[in-house]
C-alpha atoms as a PDB file:
ATOM      1  CA  MET A   1      25.375   7.211   8.864  1.00  0.00           C
ATOM      2  CA  GLU A   2      23.954   7.023   5.350  1.00  0.00           C
ATOM      3  CA  LEU A   3      23.472   4.016   3.124  1.00  0.00           C
ATOM      4  CA  LYS A   4      24.714   3.845  -0.444  1.00  0.00           C
ATOM      5  CA  ASP A   5      22.114   4.294  -3.175  1.00  0.00           C
ATOM      6  CA  SER A   6      22.723   0.761  -4.459  1.00  0.00           C
ATOM      7  CA  ILE A   7      21.855  -0.685  -1.048  1.00  0.00           C
ATOM      8  CA  LEU A   8      18.731   1.471  -0.824  1.00  0.00           C
ATOM      9  CA  GLU A   9      17.637   0.274  -4.281  1.00  0.00           C
ATOM     10  CA  LYS A  10      18.083  -3.360  -3.247  1.00  0.00           C
ATOM     11  CA  ILE A  11      16.060  -2.794  -0.073  1.00  0.00           C
ATOM     12  CA  THR A  12      13.295  -1.165  -2.137  1.00  0.00           C
ATOM     13  CA  SER A  13      13.279  -4.151  -4.510  1.00  0.00           C
ATOM     14  CA  LEU A  14      13.178  -6.526  -1.564  1.00  0.00           C
ATOM     15  CA  TYR A  15      10.164  -4.775  -0.022  1.00  0.00           C
ATOM     16  CA  ALA A  16       8.388  -4.877  -3.416  1.00  0.00           C
ATOM     17  CA  LEU A  17       8.989  -8.622  -3.681  1.00  0.00           C
ATOM     18  CA  LEU A  18       7.879  -9.258  -0.103  1.00  0.00           C
ATOM     19  CA  SER A  19       4.607  -7.472  -0.817  1.00  0.00           C
ATOM     20  CA  LYS A  20       3.875 -10.043  -3.569  1.00  0.00           C
ATOM     21  CA  ILE A  21       4.140 -13.024  -1.220  1.00  0.00           C
ATOM     22  CA  ASP A  22       0.727 -14.032   0.088  1.00  0.00           C
ATOM     23  CA  ARG A  23       1.186 -17.714   0.982  1.00  0.00           C
ATOM     24  CA  TYR A  24       3.493 -16.941   3.895  1.00  0.00           C
ATOM     25  CA  TRP A  25       3.857 -14.385   6.646  1.00  0.00           C
ATOM     26  CA  THR A  26       6.538 -11.787   6.019  1.00  0.00           C
ATOM     27  CA  LYS A  27       8.383  -9.408   8.293  1.00  0.00           C
ATOM     28  CA  ALA A  28      10.905  -6.752   7.289  1.00  0.00           C
ATOM     29  CA  GLU A  29      12.491  -4.470   9.830  1.00  0.00           C
ATOM     30  CA  ILE A  30      15.375  -2.024   9.810  1.00  0.00           C
ATOM     31  CA  THR A  31      17.001  -1.310  13.140  1.00  0.00           C
ATOM     32  CA  LYS A  32      19.293   1.680  13.417  1.00  0.00           C
ATOM     33  CA  SER A  33      21.449   2.226  16.466  1.00  0.00           C
ATOM     34  CA  ILE A  34      22.332   5.522  18.000  1.00  0.00           C
ATOM     35  CA  LYS A  35      25.337   7.281  16.486  1.00  0.00           C
ATOM     36  CA  GLN A  36      27.949   5.897  18.874  1.00  0.00           C
ATOM     37  CA  TYR A  37      27.357   2.284  17.781  1.00  0.00           C
ATOM     38  CA  ASN A  38      27.173   3.038  14.049  1.00  0.00           C
ATOM     39  CA  SER A  39      25.130   0.044  12.955  1.00  0.00           C
ATOM     40  CA  MET A  40      22.045  -0.510  10.878  1.00  0.00           C
ATOM     41  CA  GLU A  41      20.541  -3.970  10.460  1.00  0.00           C
ATOM     42  CA  LEU A  42      17.938  -5.353   8.110  1.00  0.00           C
ATOM     43  CA  ASP A  43      15.979  -8.297   9.492  1.00  0.00           C
ATOM     44  CA  ILE A  44      13.894 -10.252   6.958  1.00  0.00           C
ATOM     45  CA  ARG A  45      11.697 -13.209   7.821  1.00  0.00           C
ATOM     46  CA  VAL A  46       9.364 -15.239   5.657  1.00  0.00           C
ATOM     47  CA  TYR A  47       7.588 -17.941   7.627  1.00  0.00           C
ATOM     48  CA  THR A  48       4.547 -20.115   8.056  1.00  0.00           C
ATOM     49  CA  PHE A  49       2.935 -21.929  10.956  1.00  0.00           C
ATOM     50  CA  LEU A  50       3.068 -25.709  11.335  1.00  0.00           C
ATOM     51  CA  GLU A  51       0.318 -27.433  13.225  1.00  0.00           C
ATOM     52  CA  GLU A  52       1.141 -30.846  14.604  1.00  0.00           C
ATOM     53  CA  ASP A  53      -1.540 -33.508  14.913  1.00  0.00           C
ATOM     54  CA  GLY A  54      -3.312 -33.241  18.209  1.00  0.00           C
ATOM     55  CA  GLU A  55      -1.370 -30.124  19.208  1.00  0.00           C
ATOM     56  CA  GLU A  56      -3.119 -26.809  19.605  1.00  0.00           C
ATOM     57  CA  GLU A  57       0.121 -24.878  19.761  1.00  0.00           C
ATOM     58  CA  LYS A  58       1.514 -23.975  16.359  1.00  0.00           C
ATOM     59  CA  ARG A  59       5.225 -23.777  15.570  1.00  0.00           C
ATOM     60  CA  LEU A  60       6.970 -21.326  13.280  1.00  0.00           C
ATOM     61  CA  ALA A  61       8.709 -22.690  10.209  1.00  0.00           C
ATOM     62  CA  TYR A  62      11.068 -20.200   8.584  1.00  0.00           C
ATOM     63  CA  ILE A  63      11.488 -20.215   4.827  1.00  0.00           C
ATOM     64  CA  VAL A  64      13.803 -17.190   4.930  1.00  0.00           C
ATOM     65  CA  LYS A  65      15.403 -15.790   8.069  1.00  0.00           C
ATOM     66  CA  GLU A  66      18.208 -13.290   7.441  1.00  0.00           C
ATOM     67  CA  LYS A  67      19.791 -10.473   9.357  1.00  0.00           C
ATOM     68  CA  ILE A  68      22.167  -8.225   7.411  1.00  0.00           C
ATOM     69  CA  ASN A  69      24.321  -5.465   8.860  1.00  0.00           C
ATOM     70  CA  LEU A  70      23.857  -2.757   6.241  1.00  0.00           C
ATOM     71  CA  MET A  71      27.032  -0.961   7.316  1.00  0.00           C
ATOM     72  CA  GLU A  72      29.367  -3.887   6.547  1.00  0.00           C
ATOM     73  CA  SER A  73      31.251  -4.215   3.275  1.00  0.00           C
ATOM     74  CA  THR A  74      29.428  -7.489   2.531  1.00  0.00           C
ATOM     75  CA  ALA A  75      25.950  -5.930   2.788  1.00  0.00           C
ATOM     76  CA  GLU A  76      25.384  -5.691  -0.974  1.00  0.00           C
ATOM     77  CA  GLN A  77      26.381  -9.291  -1.538  1.00  0.00           C
ATOM     78  CA  GLY A  78      24.107 -10.416   1.294  1.00  0.00           C
ATOM     79  CA  LEU A  79      21.233  -8.413  -0.161  1.00  0.00           C
ATOM     80  CA  ASN A  80      21.811  -9.984  -3.586  1.00  0.00           C
ATOM     81  CA  TYR A  81      21.540 -13.493  -2.108  1.00  0.00           C
ATOM     82  CA  LEU A  82      18.466 -12.509  -0.136  1.00  0.00           C
ATOM     83  CA  LEU A  83      16.809 -11.020  -3.227  1.00  0.00           C
ATOM     84  CA  GLU A  84      17.392 -14.272  -5.126  1.00  0.00           C
ATOM     85  CA  ASP A  85      15.842 -16.328  -2.325  1.00  0.00           C
ATOM     86  CA  VAL A  86      12.752 -14.117  -2.154  1.00  0.00           C
ATOM     87  CA  LYS A  87      12.423 -14.010  -5.973  1.00  0.00           C
ATOM     88  CA  LYS A  88      12.215 -17.809  -5.982  1.00  0.00           C
ATOM     89  CA  LEU A  89       9.238 -17.649  -3.626  1.00  0.00           C
ATOM     90  CA  VAL A  90       7.458 -15.122  -5.843  1.00  0.00           C
ATOM     91  CA  VAL A  91       8.240 -16.996  -9.078  1.00  0.00           C
ATOM     92  CA  SER A  92       7.056 -20.316  -7.642  1.00  0.00           C
ATOM     93  CA  LYS A  93       3.793 -18.657  -6.606  1.00  0.00           C
ATOM     94  CA  GLU A  94       3.295 -17.175 -10.083  1.00  0.00           C
ATOM     95  CA  GLU A  95       4.074 -20.538 -11.713  1.00  0.00           C
ATOM     96  CA  GLU A  96       1.567 -22.259  -9.443  1.00  0.00           C
ATOM     97  CA  GLU A  97      -1.135 -19.726 -10.341  1.00  0.00           C
ATOM     98  CA  ALA A  98      -0.447 -20.162 -14.065  1.00  0.00           C
ATOM     99  CA  LYS A  99      -0.656 -23.942 -13.653  1.00  0.00           C
ATOM    100  CA  CYS A 100      -4.016 -23.642 -11.885  1.00  0.00           C
ATOM    101  CA  GLN A 101      -5.401 -21.441 -14.661  1.00  0.00           C
ATOM    102  CA  THR A 102      -4.452 -23.913 -17.390  1.00  0.00           C
ATOM    103  CA  ASN A 103      -6.097 -26.851 -15.591  1.00  0.00           C
END
């Protein structure tokens, strides 16, 4: 059960982008089943915590929450969409930093 090089490259790019996000919590996990089940899933989550007025308990708010079966034929397409979503978070952060520096 091996992944195609193109999928591995996209996963590498995704991890690189996730490492640039510092405004939100990120989680990336690959789960591989035993050989009989022949599945491998990528679970990506980008989230923050919301605190309601007067409430001590915080709630999770997901910005990105995706699970992709890397063995399916649609895995590359799913990774492309996920990469675009994560890139937007990184670009918006970089734009915000540039705006702060000019002010």
